[in-house]
Amino acid sequence: MPITRIQDLSLRKQEILSAARGLFSKKGFQTASMRDLAQTLDIKPASLYSHYQSKDEILWEIAIRCAREFLDTVLPLSETSLPVEKRLEQMVKAHISVIIRNQDASAIFFQEWIHLEEPRRSEYKALIDRYESAFIQLIEEGIGEGIFRNANPRFTTSMMIASINWIHQWYRPEGKMSVEDIGNEAAHFILAGLSVSPSNDTNVR
């Protein structure tokens, strides 16, 4: 679906989306109100409604951009000719990089999107399913090749993604671990757990 680039939106719309990302991430979508958002921006609620008709429309604008960044950044890595374990490694690292680039929006991508109204919620859920399916299929491929142990691909994907999604809550740029460090450690941990020989060190560093 075509999405207007953030830089092509009016300056005021960019300011609204930026403020909303922080507000929804901090307070939660249901708790935050349009009045809260207007106060954050130091504008009247009527001015806010002249740009966005509803809180749902703002949530959709934020969520769909974040979803598209995950899909456009991570999914192409699943289709390369690299070995299955290398593709999974790259996908995990790319997933983490998108999280860190979009810390506020990531909370919306992972949690707050469920508050979207229909038909947007179903459309968004289809994107989530498409994204997770790429990981599921890759794990199935690894099992078929005898590289990964015979785990449940769907359960494994859910656990894997859930375990790294919380990075957006604790990562700080000034922390001891760089984005590269976090990606390396997460990929190493995941691949070691999937390997048919988990005691063998996987070369993902």
N, C-alpha and C. Protein backbone atom coordinates (compact mmCIF):
# COMPACT_ATOMS: atom_id res chain seq x y z
N MET A 1 0.85 -1.19 0.00
CA MET A 1 0.00 0.00 0.00
C MET A 1 0.88 1.24 0.00
N PRO A 2 0.55 2.24 -0.80
CA PRO A 2 1.38 3.44 -0.83
C PRO A 2 1.27 4.21 0.47
N ILE A 3 2.42 4.69 0.94
CA ILE A 3 2.46 5.45 2.19
C ILE A 3 3.24 6.72 1.93
N THR A 4 2.67 7.84 2.29
CA THR A 4 3.37 9.11 2.13
C THR A 4 4.62 9.12 2.99
N ARG A 5 5.74 9.47 2.40
CA ARG A 5 6.98 9.54 3.17
C ARG A 5 6.83 10.58 4.27
N ILE A 6 7.43 10.28 5.43
CA ILE A 6 7.28 11.18 6.58
C ILE A 6 7.77 12.59 6.25
N GLN A 7 8.84 12.67 5.44
CA GLN A 7 9.37 13.98 5.10
C GLN A 7 8.48 14.74 4.13
N ASP A 8 7.53 14.04 3.50
CA ASP A 8 6.61 14.70 2.58
C ASP A 8 5.34 15.19 3.27
N LEU A 9 5.17 14.85 4.54
CA LEU A 9 4.05 15.37 5.31
C LEU A 9 4.34 16.81 5.71
N SER A 10 3.28 17.54 6.04
CA SER A 10 3.48 18.90 6.52
C SER A 10 4.28 18.87 7.81
N LEU A 11 4.95 19.97 8.11
CA LEU A 11 5.75 20.05 9.33
C LEU A 11 4.88 19.81 10.56
N ARG A 12 3.67 20.35 10.56
CA ARG A 12 2.78 20.16 11.71
C ARG A 12 2.41 18.69 11.87
N LYS A 13 2.13 17.98 10.77
CA LYS A 13 1.80 16.55 10.87
C LYS A 13 2.99 15.76 11.39
N GLN A 14 4.17 16.12 10.96
CA GLN A 14 5.36 15.45 11.47
C GLN A 14 5.50 15.66 12.97
N GLU A 15 5.23 16.88 13.43
CA GLU A 15 5.30 17.19 14.85
C GLU A 15 4.25 16.40 15.63
N ILE A 16 3.06 16.29 15.07
CA ILE A 16 1.99 15.55 15.74
C ILE A 16 2.36 14.08 15.88
N LEU A 17 2.86 13.46 14.80
CA LEU A 17 3.22 12.05 14.85
C LEU A 17 4.37 11.80 15.81
N SER A 18 5.34 12.71 15.83
CA SER A 18 6.46 12.56 16.75
C SER A 18 6.00 12.63 18.20
N ALA A 19 5.15 13.60 18.50
CA ALA A 19 4.62 13.74 19.87
C ALA A 19 3.75 12.55 20.24
N ALA A 20 2.96 12.07 19.29
CA ALA A 20 2.06 10.94 19.55
C ALA A 20 2.84 9.66 19.81
N ARG A 21 3.94 9.45 19.09
CA ARG A 21 4.77 8.26 19.34
C ARG A 21 5.24 8.24 20.79
N GLY A 22 5.74 9.36 21.26
CA GLY A 22 6.21 9.41 22.64
C GLY A 22 5.08 9.26 23.64
N LEU A 23 3.95 9.91 23.38
CA LEU A 23 2.81 9.87 24.30
C LEU A 23 2.20 8.48 24.37
N PHE A 24 1.96 7.87 23.22
CA PHE A 24 1.35 6.53 23.20
C PHE A 24 2.28 5.49 23.81
N SER A 25 3.58 5.66 23.59
CA SER A 25 4.56 4.73 24.15
C SER A 25 4.61 4.86 25.67
N LYS A 26 4.52 6.09 26.16
CA LYS A 26 4.63 6.34 27.60
C LYS A 26 3.35 6.00 28.35
N LYS A 27 2.21 6.47 27.84
CA LYS A 27 0.94 6.33 28.56
C LYS A 27 0.08 5.18 28.07
N GLY A 28 0.37 4.68 26.87
CA GLY A 28 -0.50 3.69 26.25
C GLY A 28 -1.57 4.39 25.44
N PHE A 29 -1.94 3.77 24.33
CA PHE A 29 -2.89 4.40 23.41
C PHE A 29 -4.23 4.69 24.06
N GLN A 30 -4.76 3.73 24.81
CA GLN A 30 -6.09 3.90 25.39
C GLN A 30 -6.12 4.98 26.46
N THR A 31 -5.05 5.10 27.20
CA THR A 31 -5.01 6.09 28.28
C THR A 31 -4.78 7.50 27.74
N ALA A 32 -3.95 7.63 26.75
CA ALA A 32 -3.64 8.94 26.17
C ALA A 32 -4.86 9.47 25.41
N SER A 33 -5.11 10.74 25.52
CA SER A 33 -6.25 11.37 24.84
C SER A 33 -5.77 12.40 23.83
N MET A 34 -6.67 12.80 22.96
CA MET A 34 -6.34 13.85 22.00
C MET A 34 -6.04 15.16 22.75
N ARG A 35 -6.70 15.37 23.87
CA ARG A 35 -6.42 16.57 24.67
C ARG A 35 -4.99 16.51 25.23
N ASP A 36 -4.57 15.31 25.68
CA ASP A 36 -3.20 15.13 26.15
C ASP A 36 -2.21 15.48 25.04
N LEU A 37 -2.52 15.00 23.85
CA LEU A 37 -1.63 15.23 22.71
C LEU A 37 -1.57 16.72 22.37
N ALA A 38 -2.72 17.36 22.39
CA ALA A 38 -2.77 18.81 22.11
C ALA A 38 -1.95 19.58 23.14
N GLN A 39 -2.05 19.17 24.41
CA GLN A 39 -1.28 19.84 25.46
C GLN A 39 0.22 19.63 25.26
N THR A 40 0.59 18.42 24.87
CA THR A 40 2.00 18.13 24.61
C THR A 40 2.55 19.05 23.52
N LEU A 41 1.73 19.31 22.52
CA LEU A 41 2.14 20.14 21.39
C LEU A 41 1.90 21.62 21.64
N ASP A 42 1.22 21.92 22.76
CA ASP A 42 0.87 23.30 23.09
C ASP A 42 0.02 23.95 22.00
N ILE A 43 -0.99 23.18 21.56
CA ILE A 43 -1.95 23.70 20.60
C ILE A 43 -3.36 23.38 21.09
N LYS A 44 -4.34 23.99 20.50
CA LYS A 44 -5.73 23.72 20.87
C LYS A 44 -6.19 22.41 20.23
N PRO A 45 -7.06 21.65 20.92
CA PRO A 45 -7.55 20.40 20.34
C PRO A 45 -8.17 20.57 18.96
N ALA A 46 -8.84 21.70 18.74
CA ALA A 46 -9.45 21.94 17.43
C ALA A 46 -8.41 21.98 16.33
N SER A 47 -7.23 22.53 16.63
CA SER A 47 -6.15 22.57 15.66
C SER A 47 -5.65 21.17 15.34
N LEU A 48 -5.61 20.33 16.36
CA LEU A 48 -5.18 18.95 16.17
C LEU A 48 -6.14 18.21 15.24
N TYR A 49 -7.44 18.40 15.45
CA TYR A 49 -8.45 17.72 14.63
C TYR A 49 -8.46 18.23 13.19
N SER A 50 -7.88 19.38 12.95
CA SER A 50 -7.82 19.88 11.57
C SER A 50 -6.79 19.11 10.75
N HIS A 51 -5.90 18.39 11.45
CA HIS A 51 -4.88 17.60 10.76
C HIS A 51 -5.22 16.10 10.77
N TYR A 52 -5.76 15.62 11.87
CA TYR A 52 -6.15 14.22 11.98
C TYR A 52 -7.53 14.14 12.60
N GLN A 53 -8.40 13.37 11.98
CA GLN A 53 -9.80 13.32 12.42
C GLN A 53 -10.00 12.53 13.70
N SER A 54 -9.07 11.63 14.01
CA SER A 54 -9.25 10.79 15.19
C SER A 54 -7.91 10.29 15.70
N LYS A 55 -7.94 9.80 16.93
CA LYS A 55 -6.75 9.18 17.52
C LYS A 55 -6.39 7.90 16.76
N ASP A 56 -7.40 7.20 16.27
CA ASP A 56 -7.17 5.98 15.50
C ASP A 56 -6.39 6.27 14.23
N GLU A 57 -6.70 7.37 13.59
CA GLU A 57 -5.98 7.74 12.37
C GLU A 57 -4.51 8.01 12.66
N ILE A 58 -4.23 8.64 13.79
CA ILE A 58 -2.84 8.90 14.19
C ILE A 58 -2.12 7.59 14.49
N LEU A 59 -2.79 6.70 15.23
CA LEU A 59 -2.20 5.40 15.55
C LEU A 59 -1.87 4.64 14.27
N TRP A 60 -2.77 4.67 13.31
CA TRP A 60 -2.55 3.99 12.04
C TRP A 60 -1.35 4.57 11.31
N GLU A 61 -1.25 5.88 11.26
CA GLU A 61 -0.13 6.55 10.58
C GLU A 61 1.20 6.10 11.16
N ILE A 62 1.26 6.02 12.49
CA ILE A 62 2.51 5.62 13.15
C ILE A 62 2.78 4.13 12.93
N ALA A 63 1.77 3.31 13.16
CA ALA A 63 1.93 1.86 13.10
C ALA A 63 2.30 1.38 11.71
N ILE A 64 1.65 1.91 10.69
CA ILE A 64 1.88 1.39 9.34
C ILE A 64 3.27 1.74 8.85
N ARG A 65 3.78 2.90 9.24
CA ARG A 65 5.15 3.26 8.86
C ARG A 65 6.16 2.34 9.54
N CYS A 66 5.93 2.07 10.81
CA CYS A 66 6.84 1.17 11.52
C CYS A 66 6.78 -0.24 10.93
N ALA A 67 5.58 -0.71 10.64
CA ALA A 67 5.43 -2.04 10.05
C ALA A 67 6.15 -2.13 8.72
N ARG A 68 6.00 -1.11 7.90
CA ARG A 68 6.64 -1.11 6.59
C ARG A 68 8.16 -1.12 6.72
N GLU A 69 8.69 -0.45 7.72
CA GLU A 69 10.15 -0.46 7.89
C GLU A 69 10.63 -1.86 8.26
N PHE A 70 9.89 -2.54 9.13
CA PHE A 70 10.25 -3.92 9.47
C PHE A 70 10.19 -4.81 8.23
N LEU A 71 9.09 -4.72 7.48
CA LEU A 71 8.93 -5.59 6.31
C LEU A 71 9.97 -5.29 5.25
N ASP A 72 10.20 -4.01 4.96
CA ASP A 72 11.12 -3.65 3.89
C ASP A 72 12.58 -3.91 4.26
N THR A 73 12.90 -3.87 5.54
CA THR A 73 14.28 -4.07 5.99
C THR A 73 14.62 -5.54 6.20
N VAL A 74 13.68 -6.28 6.78
CA VAL A 74 13.98 -7.65 7.22
C VAL A 74 13.60 -8.71 6.19
N LEU A 75 12.44 -8.61 5.58
CA LEU A 75 11.97 -9.69 4.72
C LEU A 75 12.87 -9.99 3.53
N PRO A 76 13.46 -8.99 2.87
CA PRO A 76 14.34 -9.32 1.74
C PRO A 76 15.52 -10.22 2.13
N LEU A 77 15.92 -10.17 3.39
CA LEU A 77 17.05 -10.99 3.86
C LEU A 77 16.69 -12.47 3.87
N SER A 78 15.41 -12.78 3.95
CA SER A 78 14.98 -14.19 3.98
C SER A 78 15.04 -14.83 2.60
N GLU A 79 15.18 -14.00 1.57
CA GLU A 79 15.08 -14.49 0.18
C GLU A 79 16.43 -14.54 -0.53
N THR A 80 17.51 -14.31 0.19
CA THR A 80 18.84 -14.36 -0.44
C THR A 80 19.28 -15.81 -0.60
N SER A 81 20.42 -16.00 -1.23
CA SER A 81 20.95 -17.35 -1.45
C SER A 81 21.90 -17.80 -0.35
N LEU A 82 21.99 -17.04 0.72
CA LEU A 82 22.88 -17.40 1.82
C LEU A 82 22.37 -18.65 2.55
N PRO A 83 23.22 -19.34 3.28
CA PRO A 83 22.77 -20.48 4.09
C PRO A 83 21.68 -20.06 5.07
N VAL A 84 20.83 -20.99 5.44
CA VAL A 84 19.67 -20.66 6.25
C VAL A 84 20.05 -20.03 7.58
N GLU A 85 21.09 -20.52 8.22
CA GLU A 85 21.46 -19.95 9.51
C GLU A 85 21.99 -18.52 9.37
N LYS A 86 22.65 -18.22 8.24
CA LYS A 86 23.16 -16.87 8.00
C LYS A 86 22.00 -15.91 7.73
N ARG A 87 20.99 -16.39 7.00
CA ARG A 87 19.83 -15.55 6.74
C ARG A 87 19.08 -15.22 8.03
N LEU A 88 18.93 -16.23 8.90
CA LEU A 88 18.25 -15.98 10.17
C LEU A 88 19.05 -15.02 11.03
N GLU A 89 20.36 -15.19 11.04
CA GLU A 89 21.22 -14.27 11.78
C GLU A 89 21.01 -12.83 11.32
N GLN A 90 21.04 -12.63 10.01
CA GLN A 90 20.88 -11.28 9.46
C GLN A 90 19.50 -10.71 9.76
N MET A 91 18.47 -11.56 9.72
CA MET A 91 17.11 -11.09 9.99
C MET A 91 16.96 -10.65 11.44
N VAL A 92 17.54 -11.41 12.35
CA VAL A 92 17.49 -11.05 13.77
C VAL A 92 18.19 -9.72 14.00
N LYS A 93 19.37 -9.57 13.43
CA LYS A 93 20.11 -8.33 13.60
C LYS A 93 19.37 -7.14 12.99
N ALA A 94 18.77 -7.35 11.82
CA ALA A 94 18.03 -6.27 11.18
C ALA A 94 16.79 -5.90 11.98
N HIS A 95 16.12 -6.89 12.53
CA HIS A 95 14.95 -6.67 13.37
C HIS A 95 15.33 -5.79 14.57
N ILE A 96 16.43 -6.11 15.19
CA ILE A 96 16.89 -5.34 16.35
C ILE A 96 17.26 -3.91 15.95
N SER A 97 17.89 -3.76 14.80
CA SER A 97 18.26 -2.42 14.33
C SER A 97 17.03 -1.55 14.11
N VAL A 98 15.97 -2.13 13.55
CA VAL A 98 14.73 -1.36 13.34
C VAL A 98 14.11 -0.98 14.67
N ILE A 99 14.13 -1.90 15.63
CA ILE A 99 13.61 -1.60 16.96
C ILE A 99 14.32 -0.38 17.54
N ILE A 100 15.62 -0.40 17.49
CA ILE A 100 16.40 0.65 18.13
C ILE A 100 16.25 1.98 17.39
N ARG A 101 16.10 1.93 16.08
CA ARG A 101 15.88 3.17 15.32
C ARG A 101 14.51 3.78 15.61
N ASN A 102 13.59 2.95 16.08
CA ASN A 102 12.21 3.39 16.28
C ASN A 102 11.71 3.00 17.67
N GLN A 103 12.44 3.40 18.70
CA GLN A 103 12.10 2.91 20.04
C GLN A 103 10.66 3.25 20.44
N ASP A 104 10.23 4.47 20.22
CA ASP A 104 8.86 4.83 20.58
C ASP A 104 7.85 4.11 19.70
N ALA A 105 8.09 4.11 18.40
CA ALA A 105 7.15 3.49 17.47
C ALA A 105 7.11 1.97 17.64
N SER A 106 8.21 1.37 18.11
CA SER A 106 8.24 -0.08 18.29
C SER A 106 7.20 -0.54 19.29
N ALA A 107 6.96 0.23 20.34
CA ALA A 107 5.93 -0.13 21.32
C ALA A 107 4.57 -0.21 20.64
N ILE A 108 4.35 0.66 19.67
CA ILE A 108 3.08 0.65 18.94
C ILE A 108 3.03 -0.55 18.01
N PHE A 109 4.13 -0.84 17.32
CA PHE A 109 4.20 -1.98 16.42
C PHE A 109 3.94 -3.29 17.14
N PHE A 110 4.45 -3.43 18.36
CA PHE A 110 4.34 -4.69 19.09
C PHE A 110 3.06 -4.81 19.91
N GLN A 111 2.53 -3.71 20.42
CA GLN A 111 1.46 -3.79 21.41
C GLN A 111 0.23 -2.95 21.07
N GLU A 112 0.43 -1.66 20.84
CA GLU A 112 -0.71 -0.75 20.76
C GLU A 112 -1.55 -0.90 19.50
N TRP A 113 -1.02 -1.55 18.47
CA TRP A 113 -1.77 -1.70 17.23
C TRP A 113 -3.09 -2.45 17.43
N ILE A 114 -3.17 -3.26 18.49
CA ILE A 114 -4.40 -4.04 18.71
C ILE A 114 -5.60 -3.14 18.98
N HIS A 115 -5.34 -1.86 19.28
CA HIS A 115 -6.44 -0.93 19.54
C HIS A 115 -6.95 -0.25 18.28
N LEU A 116 -6.34 -0.57 17.13
CA LEU A 116 -6.84 -0.02 15.88
C LEU A 116 -8.27 -0.47 15.64
N GLU A 117 -9.04 0.38 15.02
CA GLU A 117 -10.41 0.03 14.68
C GLU A 117 -10.42 -0.73 13.36
N GLU A 118 -11.47 -1.52 13.15
CA GLU A 118 -11.61 -2.23 11.88
C GLU A 118 -12.00 -1.25 10.78
N PRO A 119 -11.57 -1.48 9.53
CA PRO A 119 -10.82 -2.66 9.06
C PRO A 119 -9.31 -2.54 9.21
N ARG A 120 -8.85 -1.44 9.81
CA ARG A 120 -7.41 -1.24 9.92
C ARG A 120 -6.73 -2.32 10.74
N ARG A 121 -7.40 -2.77 11.82
CA ARG A 121 -6.78 -3.77 12.68
C ARG A 121 -6.53 -5.07 11.90
N SER A 122 -7.49 -5.52 11.13
CA SER A 122 -7.32 -6.75 10.35
C SER A 122 -6.25 -6.58 9.29
N GLU A 123 -6.19 -5.42 8.67
CA GLU A 123 -5.18 -5.16 7.66
C GLU A 123 -3.78 -5.18 8.28
N TYR A 124 -3.70 -4.61 9.46
CA TYR A 124 -2.41 -4.58 10.16
C TYR A 124 -2.01 -5.97 10.63
N LYS A 125 -2.98 -6.73 11.13
CA LYS A 125 -2.70 -8.10 11.59
C LYS A 125 -2.17 -8.94 10.43
N ALA A 126 -2.65 -8.70 9.23
CA ALA A 126 -2.17 -9.44 8.07
C ALA A 126 -0.69 -9.15 7.81
N LEU A 127 -0.27 -7.91 8.05
CA LEU A 127 1.14 -7.55 7.90
C LEU A 127 2.00 -8.25 8.95
N ILE A 128 1.49 -8.29 10.19
CA ILE A 128 2.20 -8.98 11.26
C ILE A 128 2.37 -10.46 10.92
N ASP A 129 1.29 -11.08 10.45
CA ASP A 129 1.33 -12.50 10.09
C ASP A 129 2.32 -12.76 8.96
N ARG A 130 2.32 -11.86 7.98
CA ARG A 130 3.25 -12.00 6.86
C ARG A 130 4.69 -11.91 7.35
N TYR A 131 4.93 -11.01 8.26
CA TYR A 131 6.28 -10.82 8.80
C TYR A 131 6.73 -12.07 9.56
N GLU A 132 5.89 -12.56 10.46
CA GLU A 132 6.25 -13.72 11.26
C GLU A 132 6.39 -14.97 10.39
N SER A 133 5.60 -15.04 9.32
CA SER A 133 5.66 -16.22 8.44
C SER A 133 7.04 -16.38 7.80
N ALA A 134 7.72 -15.27 7.54
CA ALA A 134 9.06 -15.35 6.95
C ALA A 134 10.02 -16.06 7.90
N PHE A 135 9.91 -15.78 9.19
CA PHE A 135 10.75 -16.45 10.18
C PHE A 135 10.35 -17.93 10.32
N ILE A 136 9.05 -18.19 10.33
CA ILE A 136 8.55 -19.56 10.45
C ILE A 136 9.07 -20.42 9.29
N GLN A 137 8.96 -19.88 8.08
CA GLN A 137 9.40 -20.63 6.90
C GLN A 137 10.89 -20.88 6.92
N LEU A 138 11.65 -19.92 7.41
CA LEU A 138 13.10 -20.09 7.47
C LEU A 138 13.48 -21.17 8.48
N ILE A 139 12.80 -21.19 9.61
CA ILE A 139 13.06 -22.23 10.61
C ILE A 139 12.66 -23.60 10.06
N GLU A 140 11.54 -23.67 9.36
CA GLU A 140 11.13 -24.93 8.73
C GLU A 140 12.17 -25.41 7.73
N GLU A 141 12.73 -24.45 6.99
CA GLU A 141 13.77 -24.79 6.01
C GLU A 141 15.00 -25.36 6.72
N GLY A 142 15.39 -24.73 7.82
CA GLY A 142 16.54 -25.20 8.57
C GLY A 142 16.32 -26.58 9.16
N ILE A 143 15.10 -26.84 9.62
CA ILE A 143 14.77 -28.17 10.15
C ILE A 143 14.84 -29.20 9.03
N GLY A 144 14.29 -28.84 7.87
CA GLY A 144 14.30 -29.76 6.73
C GLY A 144 15.70 -30.10 6.26
N GLU A 145 16.62 -29.16 6.40
CA GLU A 145 18.01 -29.40 6.00
C GLU A 145 18.82 -30.10 7.08
N GLY A 146 18.22 -30.29 8.26
CA GLY A 146 18.92 -30.94 9.36
C GLY A 146 19.87 -30.02 10.10
N ILE A 147 19.74 -28.71 9.84
CA ILE A 147 20.60 -27.74 10.51
C ILE A 147 20.03 -27.33 11.86
N PHE A 148 18.71 -27.17 11.91
CA PHE A 148 18.03 -26.82 13.15
C PHE A 148 17.36 -28.05 13.73
N ARG A 149 17.28 -28.08 15.04
CA ARG A 149 16.61 -29.20 15.71
C ARG A 149 15.11 -29.17 15.40
N ASN A 150 14.45 -30.26 15.66
CA ASN A 150 13.04 -30.41 15.30
C ASN A 150 12.14 -29.67 16.29
N ALA A 151 12.19 -28.34 16.25
CA ALA A 151 11.36 -27.50 17.12
C ALA A 151 10.07 -27.15 16.42
N ASN A 152 9.09 -26.65 17.17
CA ASN A 152 7.85 -26.16 16.58
C ASN A 152 8.13 -24.78 15.98
N PRO A 153 8.10 -24.64 14.65
CA PRO A 153 8.50 -23.37 14.02
C PRO A 153 7.68 -22.17 14.45
N ARG A 154 6.37 -22.34 14.59
CA ARG A 154 5.53 -21.20 14.96
C ARG A 154 5.78 -20.78 16.40
N PHE A 155 5.85 -21.76 17.30
CA PHE A 155 6.13 -21.45 18.71
C PHE A 155 7.50 -20.83 18.86
N THR A 156 8.49 -21.40 18.16
CA THR A 156 9.85 -20.89 18.24
C THR A 156 9.92 -19.45 17.75
N THR A 157 9.22 -19.15 16.66
CA THR A 157 9.20 -17.79 16.14
C THR A 157 8.58 -16.83 17.14
N SER A 158 7.47 -17.22 17.72
CA SER A 158 6.80 -16.37 18.71
C SER A 158 7.71 -16.08 19.89
N MET A 159 8.37 -17.11 20.41
CA MET A 159 9.27 -16.93 21.54
C MET A 159 10.49 -16.09 21.17
N MET A 160 11.02 -16.33 19.98
CA MET A 160 12.19 -15.60 19.53
C MET A 160 11.90 -14.12 19.39
N ILE A 161 10.83 -13.78 18.69
CA ILE A 161 10.49 -12.37 18.48
C ILE A 161 10.11 -11.70 19.79
N ALA A 162 9.35 -12.40 20.62
CA ALA A 162 8.95 -11.82 21.91
C ALA A 162 10.17 -11.53 22.78
N SER A 163 11.17 -12.40 22.71
CA SER A 163 12.35 -12.23 23.57
C SER A 163 13.20 -11.03 23.19
N ILE A 164 13.16 -10.63 21.92
CA ILE A 164 13.99 -9.49 21.50
C ILE A 164 13.19 -8.20 21.35
N ASN A 165 11.87 -8.31 21.36
CA ASN A 165 11.06 -7.09 21.18
C ASN A 165 11.16 -6.14 22.36
N TRP A 166 11.49 -6.66 23.54
CA TRP A 166 11.55 -5.80 24.72
C TRP A 166 12.79 -4.93 24.76
N ILE A 167 13.66 -5.08 23.77
CA ILE A 167 14.85 -4.24 23.70
C ILE A 167 14.46 -2.77 23.69
N HIS A 168 13.34 -2.44 23.07
CA HIS A 168 12.94 -1.04 22.97
C HIS A 168 12.68 -0.42 24.34
N GLN A 169 12.45 -1.26 25.37
CA GLN A 169 12.17 -0.72 26.69
C GLN A 169 13.43 -0.43 27.50
N TRP A 170 14.52 -1.12 27.20
CA TRP A 170 15.70 -0.92 28.04
C TRP A 170 16.92 -0.36 27.31
N TYR A 171 16.91 -0.39 25.98
CA TYR A 171 18.09 0.10 25.27
C TYR A 171 18.28 1.61 25.47
N ARG A 172 19.52 1.99 25.74
CA ARG A 172 19.90 3.39 25.84
C ARG A 172 21.18 3.60 25.03
N PRO A 173 21.23 4.63 24.20
CA PRO A 173 22.42 4.87 23.37
C PRO A 173 23.70 4.98 24.18
N GLU A 174 23.57 5.48 25.41
CA GLU A 174 24.76 5.66 26.25
C GLU A 174 25.13 4.39 27.02
N GLY A 175 24.39 3.30 26.81
CA GLY A 175 24.65 2.06 27.52
C GLY A 175 25.95 1.39 27.10
N LYS A 176 26.29 0.32 27.79
CA LYS A 176 27.56 -0.36 27.54
C LYS A 176 27.56 -1.18 26.25
N MET A 177 26.37 -1.62 25.81
CA MET A 177 26.29 -2.45 24.60
C MET A 177 25.88 -1.60 23.41
N SER A 178 26.61 -1.74 22.30
CA SER A 178 26.25 -1.07 21.06
C SER A 178 25.15 -1.86 20.37
N VAL A 179 24.58 -1.26 19.33
CA VAL A 179 23.56 -1.97 18.54
C VAL A 179 24.16 -3.24 17.95
N GLU A 180 25.40 -3.15 17.49
CA GLU A 180 26.07 -4.32 16.92
C GLU A 180 26.28 -5.40 17.99
N ASP A 181 26.67 -5.01 19.19
CA ASP A 181 26.85 -5.97 20.28
C ASP A 181 25.56 -6.71 20.58
N ILE A 182 24.47 -5.95 20.67
CA ILE A 182 23.17 -6.54 20.99
C ILE A 182 22.75 -7.50 19.89
N GLY A 183 22.93 -7.10 18.64
CA GLY A 183 22.57 -7.98 17.52
C GLY A 183 23.38 -9.25 17.51
N ASN A 184 24.67 -9.13 17.76
CA ASN A 184 25.54 -10.32 17.79
C ASN A 184 25.14 -11.28 18.90
N GLU A 185 24.92 -10.74 20.10
CA GLU A 185 24.57 -11.60 21.24
C GLU A 185 23.22 -12.28 21.03
N ALA A 186 22.25 -11.52 20.53
CA ALA A 186 20.91 -12.10 20.31
C ALA A 186 20.95 -13.18 19.24
N ALA A 187 21.63 -12.91 18.13
CA ALA A 187 21.72 -13.89 17.05
C ALA A 187 22.45 -15.15 17.52
N HIS A 188 23.53 -14.96 18.27
CA HIS A 188 24.29 -16.10 18.79
C HIS A 188 23.41 -16.96 19.71
N PHE A 189 22.68 -16.32 20.59
CA PHE A 189 21.81 -17.03 21.54
C PHE A 189 20.73 -17.83 20.81
N ILE A 190 20.09 -17.19 19.82
CA ILE A 190 18.99 -17.83 19.10
C ILE A 190 19.50 -18.99 18.26
N LEU A 191 20.58 -18.79 17.53
CA LEU A 191 21.10 -19.86 16.68
C LEU A 191 21.65 -21.02 17.49
N ALA A 192 22.25 -20.72 18.63
CA ALA A 192 22.75 -21.80 19.49
C ALA A 192 21.59 -22.65 20.00
N GLY A 193 20.46 -22.00 20.28
CA GLY A 193 19.30 -22.74 20.76
C GLY A 193 18.64 -23.57 19.69
N LEU A 194 18.76 -23.16 18.43
CA LEU A 194 18.14 -23.89 17.33
C LEU A 194 19.03 -24.97 16.74
N SER A 195 20.32 -24.82 16.91
CA SER A 195 21.27 -25.73 16.29
C SER A 195 21.08 -27.17 16.77
N VAL A 196 21.30 -28.12 15.86
CA VAL A 196 21.22 -29.53 16.25
C VAL A 196 22.38 -29.88 17.17
N SER A 197 23.41 -29.04 17.18
CA SER A 197 24.56 -29.23 18.08
C SER A 197 24.73 -27.97 18.91
N PRO A 198 23.83 -27.72 19.87
CA PRO A 198 23.85 -26.46 20.61
C PRO A 198 25.12 -26.20 21.38
N SER A 199 25.89 -27.25 21.65
CA SER A 199 27.13 -27.06 22.40
C SER A 199 28.23 -26.44 21.54
N ASN A 200 28.05 -26.53 20.20
CA ASN A 200 29.04 -25.98 19.29
C ASN A 200 28.83 -24.49 19.14
N ASP A 201 29.88 -23.73 19.22
CA ASP A 201 29.78 -22.28 19.09
C ASP A 201 29.40 -21.91 17.67
N THR A 202 28.39 -21.08 17.48
CA THR A 202 27.98 -20.67 16.17
C THR A 202 28.73 -19.42 15.77
N ASN A 203 29.14 -19.36 14.53
CA ASN A 203 29.99 -18.28 14.06
C ASN A 203 29.14 -17.10 13.57
N VAL A 204 28.60 -16.32 14.50
CA VAL A 204 27.75 -15.19 14.13
C VAL A 204 28.35 -13.88 14.60
N ARG A 205 29.55 -13.89 15.08
CA ARG A 205 30.15 -12.67 15.59
C ARG A 205 31.05 -12.04 14.53
